[in-house]
Amino acid sequence: MAIEDCSPTGIDISQTDFGYTMSLVCGKYKMIIMYWLAEYKPVLRFNELKRCLGTISFKTLSNTLKEMEADKLIIRTEYPQIPPKVEYSLSERGKSLIPVLDLMCEWGAANRL
């Protein structure tokens, strides 16, 4: 597919295939969360994710996970117990983006200055 097909001129970028893909992965933490779930541990609880991401606030992580769940990139599994237990994993749709993230990582490795 040529770039002209993905992002034709004269059209708002948000209305293109490229813009749609970027809307799913944009944000400071979304790609990192996906990478953690794909490469290190396929199921993580909220506090585990928070520790993995370091300086992220509770609110930012919560909002990011809600967005990713709404976009069907992750699956949120809630267990009815006390204290509440919630786990996150990649959906099939989220897993389908991992090759794209891998290519970005390879490009970074080859082009880092």
PDB file of N, CA and C in Angstrom:
ATOM      1  N   MET A   1       0.843  -1.172   0.000  1.00  0.00           N
ATOM      2  CA  MET A   1       0.000   0.000   0.000  1.00  0.00           C
ATOM      3  C   MET A   1       0.889   1.235   0.000  1.00  0.00           C
ATOM      4  N   ALA A   2       0.612   2.129  -0.891  1.00  0.00           N
ATOM      5  CA  ALA A   2       1.373   3.367  -0.990  1.00  0.00           C
ATOM      6  C   ALA A   2       0.884   4.360   0.048  1.00  0.00           C
ATOM      7  N   ILE A   3       1.781   5.261   0.458  1.00  0.00           N
ATOM      8  CA  ILE A   3       1.427   6.275   1.445  1.00  0.00           C
ATOM      9  C   ILE A   3       0.251   7.118   0.963  1.00  0.00           C
ATOM     10  N   GLU A   4       0.151   7.314  -0.362  1.00  0.00           N
ATOM     11  CA  GLU A   4      -0.961   8.098  -0.906  1.00  0.00           C
ATOM     12  C   GLU A   4      -2.298   7.426  -0.604  1.00  0.00           C
ATOM     13  N   ASP A   5      -2.305   6.090  -0.552  1.00  0.00           N
ATOM     14  CA  ASP A   5      -3.534   5.357  -0.258  1.00  0.00           C
ATOM     15  C   ASP A   5      -3.901   5.458   1.223  1.00  0.00           C
ATOM     16  N   CYS A   6      -2.906   5.480   2.072  1.00  0.00           N
ATOM     17  CA  CYS A   6      -3.116   5.498   3.516  1.00  0.00           C
ATOM     18  C   CYS A   6      -3.455   6.895   4.022  1.00  0.00           C
ATOM     19  N   SER A   7      -2.840   7.898   3.429  1.00  0.00           N
ATOM     20  CA  SER A   7      -3.040   9.277   3.870  1.00  0.00           C
ATOM     21  C   SER A   7      -3.080  10.217   2.662  1.00  0.00           C
ATOM     22  N   PRO A   8      -4.187  10.187   1.918  1.00  0.00           N
ATOM     23  CA  PRO A   8      -4.262  11.020   0.713  1.00  0.00           C
ATOM     24  C   PRO A   8      -4.270  12.512   1.042  1.00  0.00           C
ATOM     25  N   THR A   9      -3.802  13.311   0.105  1.00  0.00           N
ATOM     26  CA  THR A   9      -3.766  14.754   0.317  1.00  0.00           C
ATOM     27  C   THR A   9      -5.176  15.334   0.239  1.00  0.00           C
ATOM     28  N   GLY A  10      -5.359  16.487   0.899  1.00  0.00           N
ATOM     29  CA  GLY A  10      -6.635  17.177   0.851  1.00  0.00           C
ATOM     30  C   GLY A  10      -7.691  16.625   1.791  1.00  0.00           C
ATOM     31  N   ILE A  11      -7.319  15.657   2.609  1.00  0.00           N
ATOM     32  CA  ILE A  11      -8.262  15.055   3.560  1.00  0.00           C
ATOM     33  C   ILE A  11      -7.700  15.244   4.965  1.00  0.00           C
ATOM     34  N   ASP A  12      -8.578  15.553   5.917  1.00  0.00           N
ATOM     35  CA  ASP A  12      -8.179  15.673   7.316  1.00  0.00           C
ATOM     36  C   ASP A  12      -7.511  14.364   7.752  1.00  0.00           C
ATOM     37  N   ILE A  13      -6.324  14.467   8.329  1.00  0.00           N
ATOM     38  CA  ILE A  13      -5.543  13.276   8.710  1.00  0.00           C
ATOM     39  C   ILE A  13      -6.332  12.328   9.606  1.00  0.00           C
ATOM     40  N   SER A  14      -7.214  12.877  10.449  1.00  0.00           N
ATOM     41  CA  SER A  14      -7.987  12.019  11.351  1.00  0.00           C
ATOM     42  C   SER A  14      -8.986  11.148  10.601  1.00  0.00           C
ATOM     43  N   GLN A  15      -9.258  11.474   9.347  1.00  0.00           N
ATOM     44  CA  GLN A  15     -10.207  10.711   8.537  1.00  0.00           C
ATOM     45  C   GLN A  15      -9.513   9.673   7.654  1.00  0.00           C
ATOM     46  N   THR A  16      -8.213   9.446   7.878  1.00  0.00           N
ATOM     47  CA  THR A  16      -7.457   8.491   7.063  1.00  0.00           C
ATOM     48  C   THR A  16      -7.135   7.234   7.853  1.00  0.00           C
ATOM     49  N   ASP A  17      -6.689   6.205   7.166  1.00  0.00           N
ATOM     50  CA  ASP A  17      -6.278   4.962   7.836  1.00  0.00           C
ATOM     51  C   ASP A  17      -5.118   5.231   8.794  1.00  0.00           C
ATOM     52  N   PHE A  18      -4.172   6.043   8.351  1.00  0.00           N
ATOM     53  CA  PHE A  18      -3.030   6.395   9.195  1.00  0.00           C
ATOM     54  C   PHE A  18      -3.509   7.116  10.455  1.00  0.00           C
ATOM     55  N   GLY A  19      -4.372   8.083  10.278  1.00  0.00           N
ATOM     56  CA  GLY A  19      -4.900   8.839  11.409  1.00  0.00           C
ATOM     57  C   GLY A  19      -5.654   7.957  12.386  1.00  0.00           C
ATOM     58  N   TYR A  20      -6.428   7.002  11.856  1.00  0.00           N
ATOM     59  CA  TYR A  20      -7.163   6.078  12.727  1.00  0.00           C
ATOM     60  C   TYR A  20      -6.199   5.239  13.564  1.00  0.00           C
ATOM     61  N   THR A  21      -5.178   4.694  12.924  1.00  0.00           N
ATOM     62  CA  THR A  21      -4.202   3.885  13.642  1.00  0.00           C
ATOM     63  C   THR A  21      -3.512   4.711  14.717  1.00  0.00           C
ATOM     64  N   MET A  22      -3.109   5.919  14.366  1.00  0.00           N
ATOM     65  CA  MET A  22      -2.447   6.790  15.342  1.00  0.00           C
ATOM     66  C   MET A  22      -3.371   7.127  16.507  1.00  0.00           C
ATOM     67  N   SER A  23      -4.655   7.274  16.249  1.00  0.00           N
ATOM     68  CA  SER A  23      -5.586   7.593  17.329  1.00  0.00           C
ATOM     69  C   SER A  23      -5.669   6.461  18.345  1.00  0.00           C
ATOM     70  N   LEU A  24      -5.418   5.238  17.914  1.00  0.00           N
ATOM     71  CA  LEU A  24      -5.466   4.096  18.829  1.00  0.00           C
ATOM     72  C   LEU A  24      -4.215   3.986  19.689  1.00  0.00           C
ATOM     73  N   VAL A  25      -3.066   4.349  19.148  1.00  0.00           N
ATOM     74  CA  VAL A  25      -1.811   4.136  19.871  1.00  0.00           C
ATOM     75  C   VAL A  25      -1.187   5.424  20.412  1.00  0.00           C
ATOM     76  N   CYS A  26      -1.799   6.578  20.081  1.00  0.00           N
ATOM     77  CA  CYS A  26      -1.201   7.821  20.562  1.00  0.00           C
ATOM     78  C   CYS A  26      -1.398   7.944  22.068  1.00  0.00           C
ATOM     79  N   GLY A  27      -0.584   8.743  22.655  1.00  0.00           N
ATOM     80  CA  GLY A  27      -0.590   8.884  24.101  1.00  0.00           C
ATOM     81  C   GLY A  27       0.729   8.382  24.648  1.00  0.00           C
ATOM     82  N   LYS A  28       1.091   8.902  25.774  1.00  0.00           N
ATOM     83  CA  LYS A  28       2.409   8.623  26.328  1.00  0.00           C
ATOM     84  C   LYS A  28       2.599   7.165  26.735  1.00  0.00           C
ATOM     85  N   TYR A  29       1.522   6.484  27.127  1.00  0.00           N
ATOM     86  CA  TYR A  29       1.686   5.170  27.736  1.00  0.00           C
ATOM     87  C   TYR A  29       1.071   3.993  26.983  1.00  0.00           C
ATOM     88  N   LYS A  30       0.225   4.227  25.994  1.00  0.00           N
ATOM     89  CA  LYS A  30      -0.501   3.126  25.363  1.00  0.00           C
ATOM     90  C   LYS A  30       0.424   2.084  24.745  1.00  0.00           C
ATOM     91  N   MET A  31       1.399   2.526  23.971  1.00  0.00           N
ATOM     92  CA  MET A  31       2.299   1.565  23.331  1.00  0.00           C
ATOM     93  C   MET A  31       3.152   0.835  24.368  1.00  0.00           C
ATOM     94  N   ILE A  32       3.508   1.520  25.430  1.00  0.00           N
ATOM     95  CA  ILE A  32       4.306   0.885  26.481  1.00  0.00           C
ATOM     96  C   ILE A  32       3.486  -0.185  27.193  1.00  0.00           C
ATOM     97  N   ILE A  33       2.232   0.117  27.490  1.00  0.00           N
ATOM     98  CA  ILE A  33       1.351  -0.866  28.123  1.00  0.00           C
ATOM     99  C   ILE A  33       1.205  -2.082  27.219  1.00  0.00           C
ATOM    100  N   MET A  34       0.989  -1.850  25.938  1.00  0.00           N
ATOM    101  CA  MET A  34       0.847  -2.966  25.006  1.00  0.00           C
ATOM    102  C   MET A  34       2.118  -3.805  24.958  1.00  0.00           C
ATOM    103  N   TYR A  35       3.262  -3.148  24.970  1.00  0.00           N
ATOM    104  CA  TYR A  35       4.528  -3.867  24.920  1.00  0.00           C
ATOM    105  C   TYR A  35       4.753  -4.691  26.178  1.00  0.00           C
ATOM    106  N   TRP A  36       4.419  -4.131  27.342  1.00  0.00           N
ATOM    107  CA  TRP A  36       4.548  -4.887  28.594  1.00  0.00           C
ATOM    108  C   TRP A  36       3.685  -6.142  28.550  1.00  0.00           C
ATOM    109  N   LEU A  37       2.448  -5.998  28.090  1.00  0.00           N
ATOM    110  CA  LEU A  37       1.536  -7.143  28.029  1.00  0.00           C
ATOM    111  C   LEU A  37       1.968  -8.166  26.984  1.00  0.00           C
ATOM    112  N   ALA A  38       2.597  -7.720  25.918  1.00  0.00           N
ATOM    113  CA  ALA A  38       3.018  -8.639  24.857  1.00  0.00           C
ATOM    114  C   ALA A  38       4.338  -9.329  25.161  1.00  0.00           C
ATOM    115  N   GLU A  39       5.293  -8.595  25.724  1.00  0.00           N
ATOM    116  CA  GLU A  39       6.654  -9.109  25.830  1.00  0.00           C
ATOM    117  C   GLU A  39       7.038  -9.650  27.209  1.00  0.00           C
ATOM    118  N   TYR A  40       6.418  -9.143  28.258  1.00  0.00           N
ATOM    119  CA  TYR A  40       6.900  -9.494  29.588  1.00  0.00           C
ATOM    120  C   TYR A  40       5.930 -10.343  30.392  1.00  0.00           C
ATOM    121  N   LYS A  41       4.670  -9.987  30.386  1.00  0.00           N
ATOM    122  CA  LYS A  41       3.694 -10.746  31.155  1.00  0.00           C
ATOM    123  C   LYS A  41       2.332 -10.573  30.489  1.00  0.00           C
ATOM    124  N   PRO A  42       1.697 -11.655  30.047  1.00  0.00           N
ATOM    125  CA  PRO A  42       0.459 -11.515  29.265  1.00  0.00           C
ATOM    126  C   PRO A  42      -0.751 -11.026  30.066  1.00  0.00           C
ATOM    127  N   VAL A  43      -0.701 -11.144  31.390  1.00  0.00           N
ATOM    128  CA  VAL A  43      -1.789 -10.672  32.239  1.00  0.00           C
ATOM    129  C   VAL A  43      -1.173  -9.875  33.385  1.00  0.00           C
ATOM    130  N   LEU A  44      -1.633  -8.638  33.530  1.00  0.00           N
ATOM    131  CA  LEU A  44      -1.129  -7.787  34.608  1.00  0.00           C
ATOM    132  C   LEU A  44      -2.281  -7.152  35.364  1.00  0.00           C
ATOM    133  N   ARG A  45      -2.102  -7.009  36.653  1.00  0.00           N
ATOM    134  CA  ARG A  45      -3.073  -6.288  37.465  1.00  0.00           C
ATOM    135  C   ARG A  45      -2.731  -4.801  37.437  1.00  0.00           C
ATOM    136  N   PHE A  46      -3.673  -3.967  37.864  1.00  0.00           N
ATOM    137  CA  PHE A  46      -3.517  -2.520  37.808  1.00  0.00           C
ATOM    138  C   PHE A  46      -2.229  -2.071  38.493  1.00  0.00           C
ATOM    139  N   ASN A  47      -2.008  -2.504  39.729  1.00  0.00           N
ATOM    140  CA  ASN A  47      -0.819  -2.056  40.467  1.00  0.00           C
ATOM    141  C   ASN A  47       0.477  -2.567  39.849  1.00  0.00           C
ATOM    142  N   GLU A  48       0.444  -3.739  39.231  1.00  0.00           N
ATOM    143  CA  GLU A  48       1.630  -4.234  38.532  1.00  0.00           C
ATOM    144  C   GLU A  48       1.959  -3.325  37.350  1.00  0.00           C
ATOM    145  N   LEU A  49       0.931  -2.944  36.607  1.00  0.00           N
ATOM    146  CA  LEU A  49       1.138  -2.024  35.487  1.00  0.00           C
ATOM    147  C   LEU A  49       1.686  -0.691  35.983  1.00  0.00           C
ATOM    148  N   LYS A  50       1.142  -0.209  37.080  1.00  0.00           N
ATOM    149  CA  LYS A  50       1.590   1.074  37.640  1.00  0.00           C
ATOM    150  C   LYS A  50       3.076   0.994  38.002  1.00  0.00           C
ATOM    151  N   ARG A  51       3.482  -0.107  38.615  1.00  0.00           N
ATOM    152  CA  ARG A  51       4.906  -0.275  38.966  1.00  0.00           C
ATOM    153  C   ARG A  51       5.773  -0.365  37.715  1.00  0.00           C
ATOM    154  N   CYS A  52       5.304  -1.055  36.695  1.00  0.00           N
ATOM    155  CA  CYS A  52       6.062  -1.195  35.448  1.00  0.00           C
ATOM    156  C   CYS A  52       6.277   0.156  34.764  1.00  0.00           C
ATOM    157  N   LEU A  53       5.276   1.023  34.855  1.00  0.00           N
ATOM    158  CA  LEU A  53       5.327   2.300  34.149  1.00  0.00           C
ATOM    159  C   LEU A  53       5.994   3.399  34.961  1.00  0.00           C
ATOM    160  N   GLY A  54       6.209   3.172  36.220  1.00  0.00           N
ATOM    161  CA  GLY A  54       6.950   4.132  37.042  1.00  0.00           C
ATOM    162  C   GLY A  54       6.156   5.349  37.464  1.00  0.00           C
ATOM    163  N   THR A  55       6.370   6.471  36.786  1.00  0.00           N
ATOM    164  CA  THR A  55       5.855   7.751  37.269  1.00  0.00           C
ATOM    165  C   THR A  55       4.411   8.053  36.887  1.00  0.00           C
ATOM    166  N   ILE A  56       3.710   7.148  36.268  1.00  0.00           N
ATOM    167  CA  ILE A  56       2.329   7.394  35.853  1.00  0.00           C
ATOM    168  C   ILE A  56       1.425   7.551  37.079  1.00  0.00           C
ATOM    169  N   SER A  57       0.492   8.492  37.017  1.00  0.00           N
ATOM    170  CA  SER A  57      -0.441   8.685  38.127  1.00  0.00           C
ATOM    171  C   SER A  57      -1.576   7.666  38.038  1.00  0.00           C
ATOM    172  N   PHE A  58      -2.250   7.471  39.144  1.00  0.00           N
ATOM    173  CA  PHE A  58      -3.385   6.556  39.211  1.00  0.00           C
ATOM    174  C   PHE A  58      -4.433   6.958  38.175  1.00  0.00           C
ATOM    175  N   LYS A  59      -4.758   8.246  38.126  1.00  0.00           N
ATOM    176  CA  LYS A  59      -5.796   8.753  37.229  1.00  0.00           C
ATOM    177  C   LYS A  59      -5.411   8.565  35.763  1.00  0.00           C
ATOM    178  N   THR A  60      -4.168   8.867  35.426  1.00  0.00           N
ATOM    179  CA  THR A  60      -3.721   8.727  34.035  1.00  0.00           C
ATOM    180  C   THR A  60      -3.757   7.272  33.603  1.00  0.00           C
ATOM    181  N   LEU A  61      -3.286   6.367  34.455  1.00  0.00           N
ATOM    182  CA  LEU A  61      -3.312   4.944  34.116  1.00  0.00           C
ATOM    183  C   LEU A  61      -4.752   4.465  33.971  1.00  0.00           C
ATOM    184  N   SER A  62      -5.599   4.860  34.885  1.00  0.00           N
ATOM    185  CA  SER A  62      -7.000   4.465  34.830  1.00  0.00           C
ATOM    186  C   SER A  62      -7.661   4.943  33.537  1.00  0.00           C
ATOM    187  N   ASN A  63      -7.455   6.209  33.192  1.00  0.00           N
ATOM    188  CA  ASN A  63      -8.038   6.756  31.962  1.00  0.00           C
ATOM    189  C   ASN A  63      -7.472   6.079  30.717  1.00  0.00           C
ATOM    190  N   THR A  64      -6.166   5.832  30.706  1.00  0.00           N
ATOM    191  CA  THR A  64      -5.530   5.180  29.561  1.00  0.00           C
ATOM    192  C   THR A  64      -6.082   3.776  29.364  1.00  0.00           C
ATOM    193  N   LEU A  65      -6.231   3.023  30.442  1.00  0.00           N
ATOM    194  CA  LEU A  65      -6.763   1.665  30.347  1.00  0.00           C
ATOM    195  C   LEU A  65      -8.220   1.679  29.878  1.00  0.00           C
ATOM    196  N   LYS A  66      -9.001   2.648  30.343  1.00  0.00           N
ATOM    197  CA  LYS A  66     -10.395   2.761  29.891  1.00  0.00           C
ATOM    198  C   LYS A  66     -10.460   3.044  28.398  1.00  0.00           C
ATOM    199  N   GLU A  67      -9.591   3.937  27.903  1.00  0.00           N
ATOM    200  CA  GLU A  67      -9.548   4.236  26.469  1.00  0.00           C
ATOM    201  C   GLU A  67      -9.165   2.994  25.670  1.00  0.00           C
ATOM    202  N   MET A  68      -8.161   2.277  26.160  1.00  0.00           N
ATOM    203  CA  MET A  68      -7.703   1.091  25.445  1.00  0.00           C
ATOM    204  C   MET A  68      -8.769  -0.004  25.444  1.00  0.00           C
ATOM    205  N   GLU A  69      -9.504  -0.116  26.528  1.00  0.00           N
ATOM    206  CA  GLU A  69     -10.592  -1.089  26.586  1.00  0.00           C
ATOM    207  C   GLU A  69     -11.712  -0.681  25.621  1.00  0.00           C
ATOM    208  N   ALA A  70     -12.044   0.606  25.580  1.00  0.00           N
ATOM    209  CA  ALA A  70     -13.080   1.097  24.663  1.00  0.00           C
ATOM    210  C   ALA A  70     -12.675   0.876  23.205  1.00  0.00           C
ATOM    211  N   ASP A  71     -11.382   0.975  22.917  1.00  0.00           N
ATOM    212  CA  ASP A  71     -10.863   0.740  21.563  1.00  0.00           C
ATOM    213  C   ASP A  71     -10.648  -0.739  21.265  1.00  0.00           C
ATOM    214  N   LYS A  72     -10.975  -1.577  22.244  1.00  0.00           N
ATOM    215  CA  LYS A  72     -10.860  -3.036  22.118  1.00  0.00           C
ATOM    216  C   LYS A  72      -9.420  -3.506  21.898  1.00  0.00           C
ATOM    217  N   LEU A  73      -8.462  -2.791  22.512  1.00  0.00           N
ATOM    218  CA  LEU A  73      -7.055  -3.188  22.437  1.00  0.00           C
ATOM    219  C   LEU A  73      -6.672  -4.087  23.602  1.00  0.00           C
ATOM    220  N   ILE A  74      -7.360  -3.933  24.725  1.00  0.00           N
ATOM    221  CA  ILE A  74      -7.098  -4.765  25.899  1.00  0.00           C
ATOM    222  C   ILE A  74      -8.412  -5.336  26.415  1.00  0.00           C
ATOM    223  N   ILE A  75      -8.272  -6.383  27.205  1.00  0.00           N
ATOM    224  CA  ILE A  75      -9.418  -7.017  27.853  1.00  0.00           C
ATOM    225  C   ILE A  75      -9.264  -6.799  29.353  1.00  0.00           C
ATOM    226  N   ARG A  76     -10.307  -6.290  29.965  1.00  0.00           N
ATOM    227  CA  ARG A  76     -10.343  -6.068  31.413  1.00  0.00           C
ATOM    228  C   ARG A  76     -11.203  -7.170  32.019  1.00  0.00           C
ATOM    229  N   THR A  77     -10.599  -7.944  32.929  1.00  0.00           N
ATOM    230  CA  THR A  77     -11.317  -9.021  33.597  1.00  0.00           C
ATOM    231  C   THR A  77     -11.416  -8.679  35.069  1.00  0.00           C
ATOM    232  N   GLU A  78     -12.653  -8.559  35.540  1.00  0.00           N
ATOM    233  CA  GLU A  78     -12.896  -8.200  36.936  1.00  0.00           C
ATOM    234  C   GLU A  78     -13.407  -9.418  37.684  1.00  0.00           C
ATOM    235  N   TYR A  79     -12.811  -9.693  38.841  1.00  0.00           N
ATOM    236  CA  TYR A  79     -13.211 -10.820  39.662  1.00  0.00           C
ATOM    237  C   TYR A  79     -13.989 -10.294  40.861  1.00  0.00           C
ATOM    238  N   PRO A  80     -15.199 -10.836  41.110  1.00  0.00           N
ATOM    239  CA  PRO A  80     -16.028 -10.355  42.216  1.00  0.00           C
ATOM    240  C   PRO A  80     -15.542 -10.907  43.558  1.00  0.00           C
ATOM    241  N   GLN A  81     -14.618 -10.207  44.152  1.00  0.00           N
ATOM    242  CA  GLN A  81     -14.077 -10.616  45.444  1.00  0.00           C
ATOM    243  C   GLN A  81     -13.659  -9.376  46.211  1.00  0.00           C
ATOM    244  N   ILE A  82     -13.320  -9.559  47.452  1.00  0.00           N
ATOM    245  CA  ILE A  82     -12.843  -8.446  48.274  1.00  0.00           C
ATOM    246  C   ILE A  82     -11.462  -8.826  48.774  1.00  0.00           C
ATOM    247  N   PRO A  83     -10.448  -7.996  48.554  1.00  0.00           N
ATOM    248  CA  PRO A  83     -10.483  -6.763  47.768  1.00  0.00           C
ATOM    249  C   PRO A  83     -10.676  -7.077  46.281  1.00  0.00           C
ATOM    250  N   PRO A  84     -11.173  -6.098  45.522  1.00  0.00           N
ATOM    251  CA  PRO A  84     -11.419  -6.334  44.097  1.00  0.00           C
ATOM    252  C   PRO A  84     -10.140  -6.722  43.358  1.00  0.00           C
ATOM    253  N   LYS A  85     -10.307  -7.608  42.408  1.00  0.00           N
ATOM    254  CA  LYS A  85      -9.174  -8.047  41.588  1.00  0.00           C
ATOM    255  C   LYS A  85      -9.531  -7.787  40.125  1.00  0.00           C
ATOM    256  N   VAL A  86      -8.692  -7.016  39.441  1.00  0.00           N
ATOM    257  CA  VAL A  86      -8.900  -6.703  38.031  1.00  0.00           C
ATOM    258  C   VAL A  86      -7.608  -7.004  37.290  1.00  0.00           C
ATOM    259  N   GLU A  87      -7.736  -7.728  36.182  1.00  0.00           N
ATOM    260  CA  GLU A  87      -6.571  -8.070  35.360  1.00  0.00           C
ATOM    261  C   GLU A  87      -6.760  -7.525  33.949  1.00  0.00           C
ATOM    262  N   TYR A  88      -5.633  -7.203  33.318  1.00  0.00           N
ATOM    263  CA  TYR A  88      -5.633  -6.671  31.957  1.00  0.00           C
ATOM    264  C   TYR A  88      -4.768  -7.563  31.074  1.00  0.00           C
ATOM    265  N   SER A  89      -5.251  -7.791  29.858  1.00  0.00           N
ATOM    266  CA  SER A  89      -4.489  -8.558  28.876  1.00  0.00           C
ATOM    267  C   SER A  89      -4.785  -7.974  27.496  1.00  0.00           C
ATOM    268  N   LEU A  90      -3.926  -8.300  26.540  1.00  0.00           N
ATOM    269  CA  LEU A  90      -4.148  -7.836  25.171  1.00  0.00           C
ATOM    270  C   LEU A  90      -5.278  -8.622  24.516  1.00  0.00           C
ATOM    271  N   SER A  91      -6.124  -7.935  23.788  1.00  0.00           N
ATOM    272  CA  SER A  91      -7.136  -8.599  22.976  1.00  0.00           C
ATOM    273  C   SER A  91      -6.461  -9.058  21.681  1.00  0.00           C
ATOM    274  N   GLU A  92      -7.183  -9.803  20.876  1.00  0.00           N
ATOM    275  CA  GLU A  92      -6.639 -10.202  19.574  1.00  0.00           C
ATOM    276  C   GLU A  92      -6.345  -8.967  18.729  1.00  0.00           C
ATOM    277  N   ARG A  93      -7.207  -7.974  18.831  1.00  0.00           N
ATOM    278  CA  ARG A  93      -6.992  -6.728  18.094  1.00  0.00           C
ATOM    279  C   ARG A  93      -5.716  -6.041  18.571  1.00  0.00           C
ATOM    280  N   GLY A  94      -5.499  -6.008  19.880  1.00  0.00           N
ATOM    281  CA  GLY A  94      -4.284  -5.424  20.427  1.00  0.00           C
ATOM    282  C   GLY A  94      -3.049  -6.200  20.004  1.00  0.00           C
ATOM    283  N   LYS A  95      -3.158  -7.520  20.014  1.00  0.00           N
ATOM    284  CA  LYS A  95      -2.032  -8.363  19.593  1.00  0.00           C
ATOM    285  C   LYS A  95      -1.664  -8.110  18.135  1.00  0.00           C
ATOM    286  N   SER A  96      -2.652  -7.755  17.334  1.00  0.00           N
ATOM    287  CA  SER A  96      -2.380  -7.523  15.911  1.00  0.00           C
ATOM    288  C   SER A  96      -1.537  -6.263  15.684  1.00  0.00           C
ATOM    289  N   LEU A  97      -1.440  -5.376  16.679  1.00  0.00           N
ATOM    290  CA  LEU A  97      -0.603  -4.183  16.572  1.00  0.00           C
ATOM    291  C   LEU A  97       0.850  -4.433  17.000  1.00  0.00           C
ATOM    292  N   ILE A  98       1.129  -5.551  17.629  1.00  0.00           N
ATOM    293  CA  ILE A  98       2.472  -5.817  18.141  1.00  0.00           C
ATOM    294  C   ILE A  98       3.513  -5.858  17.017  1.00  0.00           C
ATOM    295  N   PRO A  99       3.235  -6.451  15.850  1.00  0.00           N
ATOM    296  CA  PRO A  99       4.243  -6.391  14.779  1.00  0.00           C
ATOM    297  C   PRO A  99       4.598  -4.953  14.376  1.00  0.00           C
ATOM    298  N   VAL A 100       3.627  -4.049  14.434  1.00  0.00           N
ATOM    299  CA  VAL A 100       3.894  -2.638  14.126  1.00  0.00           C
ATOM    300  C   VAL A 100       4.841  -2.056  15.174  1.00  0.00           C
ATOM    301  N   LEU A 101       4.586  -2.357  16.445  1.00  0.00           N
ATOM    302  CA  LEU A 101       5.457  -1.870  17.525  1.00  0.00           C
ATOM    303  C   LEU A 101       6.849  -2.472  17.404  1.00  0.00           C
ATOM    304  N   ASP A 102       6.923  -3.750  17.020  1.00  0.00           N
ATOM    305  CA  ASP A 102       8.226  -4.393  16.822  1.00  0.00           C
ATOM    306  C   ASP A 102       9.020  -3.683  15.730  1.00  0.00           C
ATOM    307  N   LEU A 103       8.357  -3.332  14.634  1.00  0.00           N
ATOM    308  CA  LEU A 103       9.025  -2.614  13.551  1.00  0.00           C
ATOM    309  C   LEU A 103       9.522  -1.244  14.014  1.00  0.00           C
ATOM    310  N   MET A 104       8.742  -0.568  14.841  1.00  0.00           N
ATOM    311  CA  MET A 104       9.169   0.730  15.380  1.00  0.00           C
ATOM    312  C   MET A 104      10.417   0.556  16.253  1.00  0.00           C
ATOM    313  N   CYS A 105      10.439  -0.520  17.030  1.00  0.00           N
ATOM    314  CA  CYS A 105      11.594  -0.794  17.882  1.00  0.00           C
ATOM    315  C   CYS A 105      12.831  -1.096  17.026  1.00  0.00           C
ATOM    316  N   GLU A 106      12.666  -1.904  15.990  1.00  0.00           N
ATOM    317  CA  GLU A 106      13.777  -2.222  15.095  1.00  0.00           C
ATOM    318  C   GLU A 106      14.291  -0.952  14.412  1.00  0.00           C
ATOM    319  N   TRP A 107      13.370  -0.099  13.971  1.00  0.00           N
ATOM    320  CA  TRP A 107      13.783   1.143  13.321  1.00  0.00           C
ATOM    321  C   TRP A 107      14.584   1.998  14.311  1.00  0.00           C
ATOM    322  N   GLY A 108      14.110   2.075  15.536  1.00  0.00           N
ATOM    323  CA  GLY A 108      14.828   2.863  16.555  1.00  0.00           C
ATOM    324  C   GLY A 108      16.225   2.316  16.808  1.00  0.00           C
ATOM    325  N   ALA A 109      16.347   0.993  16.851  1.00  0.00           N
ATOM    326  CA  ALA A 109      17.647   0.386  17.072  1.00  0.00           C
ATOM    327  C   ALA A 109      18.610   0.694  15.915  1.00  0.00           C
ATOM    328  N   ALA A 110      18.082   0.695  14.714  1.00  0.00           N
ATOM    329  CA  ALA A 110      18.926   0.935  13.540  1.00  0.00           C
ATOM    330  C   ALA A 110      19.253   2.410  13.319  1.00  0.00           C
ATOM    331  N   ASN A 111      18.423   3.301  13.835  1.00  0.00           N
ATOM    332  CA  ASN A 111      18.574   4.730  13.523  1.00  0.00           C
ATOM    333  C   ASN A 111      18.874   5.626  14.707  1.00  0.00           C
ATOM    334  N   ARG A 112      19.106   5.043  15.857  1.00  0.00           N
ATOM    335  CA  ARG A 112      19.403   5.848  17.044  1.00  0.00           C
ATOM    336  C   ARG A 112      20.722   6.583  16.834  1.00  0.00           C
ATOM    337  N   LEU A 113      20.731   7.857  17.144  1.00  0.00           N
ATOM    338  CA  LEU A 113      21.950   8.655  16.963  1.00  0.00           C
ATOM    339  C   LEU A 113      22.808   8.630  18.210  1.00  0.00           C
TER     340      LEU A 113
END
